[in-house]
N, C-alpha and C. Protein backbone atom coordinates (compact mmCIF):
# COMPACT_ATOMS: atom_id res chain seq x y z
N MET A 1 -7.57 74.62 102.90
CA MET A 1 -7.80 75.77 104.19
C MET A 1 -7.19 75.06 105.27
N ALA A 2 -6.51 75.90 105.95
CA ALA A 2 -6.04 75.56 107.74
C ALA A 2 -7.21 75.21 108.36
N THR A 3 -7.32 74.51 109.56
CA THR A 3 -8.28 74.78 110.25
C THR A 3 -7.22 75.16 111.79
N VAL A 4 -8.18 75.19 113.04
CA VAL A 4 -7.79 75.32 113.88
C VAL A 4 -6.99 74.65 114.15
N ALA A 5 -7.05 73.42 114.03
CA ALA A 5 -6.19 72.62 114.80
C ALA A 5 -5.03 72.37 114.10
N ASP A 6 -4.91 72.54 112.76
CA ASP A 6 -3.03 72.46 112.14
C ASP A 6 -2.73 74.03 112.47
N SER A 7 -3.11 75.20 112.72
CA SER A 7 -2.54 76.16 113.21
C SER A 7 -1.97 76.02 114.87
N LEU A 8 -3.13 75.12 115.52
CA LEU A 8 -2.47 74.88 117.20
C LEU A 8 -1.19 73.88 117.12
N ARG A 9 -1.28 72.84 115.53
CA ARG A 9 0.02 71.78 115.33
C ARG A 9 0.78 72.50 115.66
N SER A 10 0.74 73.72 114.50
CA SER A 10 1.88 74.30 113.89
C SER A 10 2.63 75.40 115.09
N ALA A 11 2.17 75.58 116.14
CA ALA A 11 2.52 76.51 116.94
C ALA A 11 3.86 76.38 117.75
N THR A 12 4.38 77.29 118.27
CA THR A 12 5.28 76.70 119.00
C THR A 12 5.66 76.11 120.12
N SER A 13 6.33 74.99 120.13
CA SER A 13 6.19 74.05 121.38
C SER A 13 7.24 74.78 122.40
N PRO A 14 6.65 73.98 123.28
CA PRO A 14 8.03 74.34 124.88
C PRO A 14 9.62 74.08 124.40
N ALA A 15 9.29 73.21 123.57
CA ALA A 15 11.24 73.04 123.47
C ALA A 15 11.22 74.02 122.17
N GLY A 16 10.52 74.44 120.96
CA GLY A 16 10.91 75.29 120.02
C GLY A 16 11.15 76.85 121.17
N TRP A 17 10.27 77.21 121.99
CA TRP A 17 10.34 78.12 123.21
C TRP A 17 11.84 78.16 123.62
N THR A 18 12.14 77.09 124.15
CA THR A 18 13.48 76.77 124.55
C THR A 18 14.64 77.25 124.01
N LEU A 19 14.74 76.64 122.58
CA LEU A 19 15.45 76.70 121.49
C LEU A 19 15.42 78.28 121.69
N ARG A 20 14.39 79.04 121.09
CA ARG A 20 14.52 80.48 121.22
C ARG A 20 15.23 81.70 122.22
N ALA A 21 14.51 81.07 123.41
CA ALA A 21 15.54 81.73 124.43
C ALA A 21 17.21 81.48 124.27
N VAL A 22 17.24 80.76 124.36
CA VAL A 22 18.78 80.03 124.43
C VAL A 22 19.54 80.35 123.13
N VAL A 23 19.01 80.71 122.04
CA VAL A 23 19.95 81.25 120.55
C VAL A 23 19.43 82.79 121.26
N SER A 24 18.65 83.22 121.63
CA SER A 24 18.91 84.51 122.10
C SER A 24 20.06 85.12 122.96
N ALA A 25 20.11 83.86 123.78
CA ALA A 25 21.06 84.83 124.95
C ALA A 25 22.39 84.55 124.51
N HIS A 26 22.51 83.65 123.59
CA HIS A 26 23.59 83.20 122.58
C HIS A 26 23.76 84.46 121.75
N ALA A 27 22.66 85.17 121.35
CA ALA A 27 23.16 86.08 119.83
C ALA A 27 23.37 87.52 121.06
N VAL A 28 22.92 87.58 122.33
CA VAL A 28 23.15 88.86 123.11
C VAL A 28 25.07 88.92 123.42
N ALA A 29 25.29 87.56 123.70
CA ALA A 29 26.56 87.31 124.57
C ALA A 29 27.19 87.59 123.48
N ILE A 30 27.12 86.99 121.90
CA ILE A 30 27.65 86.91 121.34
C ILE A 30 28.27 88.64 120.57
N ALA A 31 27.27 89.07 120.61
CA ALA A 31 27.15 90.69 120.39
C ALA A 31 28.25 91.52 121.26
N ALA A 32 28.39 91.26 122.25
CA ALA A 32 29.29 91.87 123.43
C ALA A 32 30.40 91.75 123.09
N GLN A 33 31.18 90.92 122.60
CA GLN A 33 32.37 90.48 122.31
C GLN A 33 33.02 91.46 121.65
N PRO A 34 32.52 91.64 119.95
CA PRO A 34 33.60 92.79 119.43
C PRO A 34 33.44 93.90 120.44
N VAL A 35 32.48 94.54 121.39
CA VAL A 35 32.75 95.78 121.72
C VAL A 35 33.73 95.62 123.28
N PHE A 36 33.94 94.52 123.66
CA PHE A 36 34.78 94.14 124.58
C PHE A 36 36.33 94.20 123.65
N ALA A 37 36.57 93.88 122.71
CA ALA A 37 37.62 93.66 121.63
C ALA A 37 37.84 94.92 121.29
N GLY A 38 36.89 95.82 120.61
CA GLY A 38 37.23 96.85 120.33
C GLY A 38 37.65 97.79 121.90
N VAL A 39 37.25 97.90 122.81
CA VAL A 39 37.28 98.79 124.00
C VAL A 39 38.73 98.49 124.18
N TYR A 40 39.50 97.15 124.09
CA TYR A 40 40.52 96.53 124.29
C TYR A 40 41.57 97.19 123.58
N LEU A 41 41.46 97.27 122.07
CA LEU A 41 41.79 97.84 121.37
C LEU A 41 42.24 99.79 121.53
N THR A 42 41.03 99.94 122.03
CA THR A 42 41.39 101.73 122.26
C THR A 42 42.04 101.71 123.51
N GLY A 43 42.72 101.02 123.99
CA GLY A 43 43.87 101.16 125.20
C GLY A 43 43.58 100.51 126.70
N ASP A 44 42.30 100.26 126.66
CA ASP A 44 41.78 99.70 127.90
C ASP A 44 42.30 98.21 128.13
N TYR A 45 43.14 98.23 128.52
CA TYR A 45 43.42 96.36 128.32
C TYR A 45 42.91 95.53 129.31
N ASP A 46 42.14 96.45 130.90
CA ASP A 46 41.16 95.55 131.61
C ASP A 46 40.34 94.93 130.68
N SER A 47 40.29 95.19 129.32
CA SER A 47 38.78 94.57 128.55
C SER A 47 39.23 93.50 128.37
N LEU A 48 40.24 93.04 127.79
CA LEU A 48 40.87 92.18 127.54
C LEU A 48 39.96 90.87 128.49
N GLY A 49 40.07 90.87 129.88
CA GLY A 49 39.32 90.00 130.40
C GLY A 49 38.01 89.85 130.40
N ARG A 50 37.32 91.13 130.19
CA ARG A 50 36.07 90.91 130.09
C ARG A 50 35.92 89.56 128.43
N HIS A 51 36.53 90.42 127.44
CA HIS A 51 36.88 89.58 126.11
C HIS A 51 36.72 87.80 126.99
N ALA A 52 37.86 87.66 127.31
CA ALA A 52 37.63 86.12 127.45
C ALA A 52 36.97 85.40 128.55
N LEU A 53 36.57 86.51 129.26
CA LEU A 53 35.30 85.79 130.56
C LEU A 53 34.08 85.94 129.43
N GLY A 54 33.63 86.95 128.18
CA GLY A 54 32.89 86.88 127.07
C GLY A 54 32.63 85.34 126.83
N ALA A 55 34.24 85.16 125.92
CA ALA A 55 34.55 84.06 125.16
C ALA A 55 33.74 82.57 126.00
N ASP A 56 33.86 82.54 127.38
CA ASP A 56 34.04 81.81 128.13
C ASP A 56 32.04 81.29 127.94
N VAL A 57 31.69 82.69 128.57
CA VAL A 57 30.24 82.66 128.50
C VAL A 57 29.59 82.08 127.05
N VAL A 58 30.14 82.86 125.80
CA VAL A 58 29.72 82.37 124.65
C VAL A 58 29.63 80.82 124.62
N THR A 59 30.56 80.61 124.70
CA THR A 59 31.07 78.90 124.33
C THR A 59 30.24 78.17 125.09
N SER A 60 29.99 78.80 126.10
CA SER A 60 28.91 77.98 127.53
C SER A 60 27.66 77.65 126.75
N ILE A 61 27.00 78.90 126.56
CA ILE A 61 25.95 78.79 126.10
C ILE A 61 25.92 77.91 124.65
N GLY A 62 27.04 77.87 124.12
CA GLY A 62 26.69 77.69 122.41
C GLY A 62 26.62 76.16 123.09
N TYR A 63 27.31 75.72 123.48
CA TYR A 63 27.02 73.87 124.31
C TYR A 63 25.77 73.57 124.42
N VAL A 64 24.91 74.88 125.48
CA VAL A 64 23.80 74.46 125.94
C VAL A 64 22.69 74.33 124.72
N GLN A 65 23.01 75.36 123.84
CA GLN A 65 22.22 75.19 122.64
C GLN A 65 22.61 73.99 121.69
N VAL A 66 23.37 73.35 121.47
CA VAL A 66 23.48 71.84 120.69
C VAL A 66 22.74 71.31 121.85
N VAL A 67 22.70 71.20 123.04
CA VAL A 67 21.92 69.82 123.63
C VAL A 67 20.03 70.30 123.65
N VAL A 68 19.88 71.81 123.81
CA VAL A 68 18.59 72.05 122.95
C VAL A 68 17.93 71.68 121.57
N ALA A 69 19.30 72.18 121.07
CA ALA A 69 18.79 71.50 119.27
C ALA A 69 18.54 70.02 118.92
N ILE A 70 19.39 69.45 120.14
CA ILE A 70 19.41 67.75 119.82
C ILE A 70 17.72 67.67 120.52
N VAL A 71 17.61 68.29 121.74
CA VAL A 71 15.89 67.72 121.90
C VAL A 71 15.29 67.90 121.03
N VAL A 72 15.27 69.85 120.27
CA VAL A 72 14.07 69.93 119.33
C VAL A 72 13.99 68.71 118.53
N TRP A 73 15.39 68.31 117.87
CA TRP A 73 15.82 67.54 116.81
C TRP A 73 14.72 66.26 117.00
N VAL A 74 15.31 65.68 118.07
CA VAL A 74 14.41 64.36 118.52
C VAL A 74 12.47 64.95 118.70
N ARG A 75 12.50 65.34 119.49
CA ARG A 75 10.99 65.63 119.84
C ARG A 75 10.50 66.32 118.88
N LEU A 76 10.84 67.11 118.05
CA LEU A 76 10.05 67.97 117.01
C LEU A 76 10.37 67.60 115.78
N ARG A 77 11.36 66.78 115.51
CA ARG A 77 11.72 66.49 114.16
C ARG A 77 12.00 67.49 113.17
N ARG A 78 12.81 68.30 113.68
CA ARG A 78 13.39 69.19 112.95
C ARG A 78 14.77 69.22 113.58
N ALA A 79 15.58 68.98 111.98
CA ALA A 79 17.14 68.77 112.15
C ALA A 79 17.66 70.29 111.93
N TRP A 80 17.31 70.87 111.40
CA TRP A 80 18.11 72.24 111.19
C TRP A 80 18.54 73.10 112.42
N PRO A 81 17.53 73.01 112.90
CA PRO A 81 18.40 74.11 114.63
C PRO A 81 20.27 72.85 114.55
N PHE A 82 19.61 71.75 114.88
CA PHE A 82 20.77 71.24 115.26
C PHE A 82 21.90 70.90 114.26
N THR A 83 21.83 71.33 112.97
CA THR A 83 22.79 71.31 111.85
C THR A 83 23.41 72.66 111.73
N GLY A 84 22.72 73.81 112.24
CA GLY A 84 23.17 75.51 112.47
C GLY A 84 23.83 75.64 113.26
N THR A 85 23.46 74.86 114.31
CA THR A 85 24.23 75.13 115.93
C THR A 85 25.52 74.70 115.81
N ALA A 86 25.69 73.19 115.15
CA ALA A 86 26.75 72.23 115.14
C ALA A 86 28.07 73.23 114.46
N ALA A 87 27.40 73.97 113.31
CA ALA A 87 28.33 74.72 112.60
C ALA A 87 28.68 75.59 113.28
N ILE A 88 27.84 76.88 114.02
CA ILE A 88 28.45 77.81 114.87
C ILE A 88 29.20 77.15 115.84
N VAL A 89 29.01 76.28 116.55
CA VAL A 89 29.43 76.04 117.83
C VAL A 89 31.06 75.36 117.42
N ALA A 90 31.05 74.92 116.42
CA ALA A 90 32.50 74.40 115.66
C ALA A 90 33.34 75.85 115.46
N ALA A 91 32.60 76.29 114.82
CA ALA A 91 33.44 77.59 114.55
C ALA A 91 33.67 78.58 115.57
N GLU A 92 32.87 78.40 116.71
CA GLU A 92 33.22 78.82 118.23
C GLU A 92 34.49 78.31 118.80
N THR A 93 34.49 77.12 118.92
CA THR A 93 35.52 76.34 119.33
C THR A 93 36.75 76.75 118.53
N VAL A 94 36.78 76.51 117.27
CA VAL A 94 37.79 76.88 116.59
C VAL A 94 38.32 78.83 116.96
N GLN A 95 37.65 78.94 116.76
CA GLN A 95 37.78 80.84 117.38
C GLN A 95 38.25 80.72 118.84
N TYR A 96 37.79 80.08 119.66
CA TYR A 96 38.09 80.14 120.72
C TYR A 96 39.85 80.09 121.21
N PHE A 97 40.15 78.96 120.56
CA PHE A 97 41.08 78.30 120.48
C PHE A 97 42.15 79.32 120.03
N ALA A 98 42.04 79.47 118.91
CA ALA A 98 42.69 80.95 118.36
C ALA A 98 42.97 82.01 118.72
N GLY A 99 41.75 82.47 119.70
CA GLY A 99 41.95 83.53 120.26
C GLY A 99 43.35 83.34 121.46
N LEU A 100 43.04 82.26 122.26
CA LEU A 100 44.04 81.78 123.28
C LEU A 100 45.39 81.89 122.67
N ASP A 101 45.64 81.23 121.21
CA ASP A 101 46.64 80.86 120.73
C ASP A 101 47.15 82.50 120.57
N GLY A 102 46.22 83.60 119.99
CA GLY A 102 46.88 85.13 119.48
C GLY A 102 46.92 84.80 118.08
N ALA A 103 46.17 84.01 117.52
CA ALA A 103 46.23 83.59 116.06
C ALA A 103 45.07 84.88 115.49
N LEU A 104 45.19 85.79 115.79
CA LEU A 104 44.29 86.68 115.14
C LEU A 104 44.08 86.57 113.69
N TRP A 105 44.72 85.94 112.99
CA TRP A 105 44.31 86.40 111.31
C TRP A 105 43.57 85.06 111.26
N LEU A 106 42.95 84.30 112.32
CA LEU A 106 41.82 83.22 112.13
C LEU A 106 40.34 83.86 113.17
N HIS A 107 41.38 84.40 114.02
CA HIS A 107 40.24 84.87 115.33
C HIS A 107 39.22 85.97 114.38
N LEU A 108 39.69 86.76 114.30
CA LEU A 108 39.12 88.07 113.88
C LEU A 108 37.97 87.68 112.25
N PRO A 109 38.45 87.00 111.42
CA PRO A 109 37.50 87.20 110.45
C PRO A 109 36.37 85.98 111.09
N LEU A 110 36.62 84.80 111.85
CA LEU A 110 35.91 83.94 112.35
C LEU A 110 35.16 84.38 113.20
N GLY A 111 34.99 85.55 113.96
CA GLY A 111 34.73 86.07 114.61
C GLY A 111 33.49 86.57 114.17
N VAL A 112 33.80 87.41 112.91
CA VAL A 112 33.03 88.12 112.27
C VAL A 112 31.79 86.95 112.00
N MET A 113 32.38 86.05 110.67
CA MET A 113 31.36 85.05 110.66
C MET A 113 30.60 84.48 111.58
N THR A 114 30.91 83.91 112.76
CA THR A 114 30.13 83.27 113.90
C THR A 114 29.23 84.21 114.07
N VAL A 115 29.41 85.34 114.49
CA VAL A 115 28.37 86.74 114.49
C VAL A 115 27.22 86.69 113.62
N ALA A 116 27.68 86.83 112.42
CA ALA A 116 26.82 86.48 111.08
C ALA A 116 26.04 85.71 111.29
N ALA A 117 26.52 84.46 111.45
CA ALA A 117 25.72 83.04 111.39
C ALA A 117 24.71 83.13 112.39
N LEU A 118 25.19 83.55 113.84
CA LEU A 118 24.43 83.27 114.68
C LEU A 118 22.99 84.26 114.84
N VAL A 119 23.25 85.39 113.76
CA VAL A 119 22.27 86.59 113.75
C VAL A 119 21.35 86.25 112.68
N VAL A 120 21.92 85.49 111.64
CA VAL A 120 20.67 84.71 110.78
C VAL A 120 19.86 83.46 111.49
N GLN A 121 21.16 82.64 112.23
CA GLN A 121 20.06 81.91 113.09
C GLN A 121 18.71 82.31 113.74
N PHE A 122 19.18 83.46 114.79
CA PHE A 122 18.46 84.14 115.64
C PHE A 122 17.15 84.15 114.89
N ILE A 123 17.33 85.16 113.48
CA ILE A 123 16.16 85.13 112.70
C ILE A 123 15.10 84.05 112.21
N ALA A 124 15.79 83.33 111.71
CA ALA A 124 15.40 81.99 111.72
C ALA A 124 14.22 81.05 113.02
N VAL A 125 15.25 81.44 113.87
CA VAL A 125 14.18 80.78 114.99
C VAL A 125 12.80 81.41 115.65
N TRP A 126 13.12 83.22 115.26
CA TRP A 126 11.61 83.87 115.60
C TRP A 126 10.78 83.67 114.43
N ARG A 127 11.30 83.85 113.28
CA ARG A 127 10.37 83.67 112.01
C ARG A 127 9.36 83.04 111.79
N ARG A 128 9.46 81.70 112.25
CA ARG A 128 8.15 80.76 111.86
C ARG A 128 7.85 80.02 113.22
N PRO A 129 7.12 79.42 113.55
CA PRO A 129 6.75 78.65 114.76
C PRO A 129 7.32 77.36 114.75
N ILE A 130 8.07 76.91 115.72
CA ILE A 130 8.75 75.62 115.73
C ILE A 130 8.08 74.76 116.50
N GLY A 131 7.20 74.26 115.77
CA GLY A 131 6.46 72.69 116.30
C GLY A 131 6.82 71.62 115.79
N ARG A 132 6.01 70.47 115.77
CA ARG A 132 6.14 69.01 115.66
C ARG A 132 5.86 68.92 114.28
N ARG A 133 6.42 68.58 113.43
CA ARG A 133 6.55 68.44 111.68
C ARG A 133 5.08 67.26 111.92
N ILE A 134 4.48 67.84 111.22
CA ILE A 134 3.07 67.13 110.93
C ILE A 134 3.10 66.27 109.59
N GLU A 135 3.46 65.18 109.78
CA GLU A 135 3.65 63.66 108.50
C GLU A 135 2.46 64.02 107.26
N ALA A 136 2.40 64.20 106.21
CA ALA A 136 1.17 64.10 105.62
C ALA A 136 0.98 62.65 105.44
N ARG A 137 -0.32 62.40 105.28
CA ARG A 137 -0.97 60.81 105.44
C ARG A 137 -1.63 60.82 104.09
N HIS A 138 -1.97 60.10 103.48
CA HIS A 138 -2.14 59.43 102.35
C HIS A 138 -3.01 58.36 102.45
N GLY A 139 -3.94 58.43 101.87
CA GLY A 139 -5.09 57.21 101.86
C GLY A 139 -6.09 57.30 102.84
């Protein structure tokens, strides 16, 4: 049976809340990217500039998320936010340069995958408390 102390220890820590906030901002920013691209494809050529600015914002938030995920790993002993973030940010970085290069054959499918991956990560960070892992003690 869980005690009050156990539930307090498993509550989301400030580092966990920071991770949630950054992942949420990242998800909102990345969700706008297909919208800007779609508006551009309808003939609003100014929207390409919004898509490029959005790419800068998404990439910057991703790098901030890497730092926060490292803090969560070190302080809370939770490695999964870092490994997931590292994979997403690596894909975003490749996608960023593919977009600059005009390699749409890579840019578009990688964009779909990064949006999907970030949505999965968003769900994961909000699904359960992100607190310090309690080590089982024997003896």
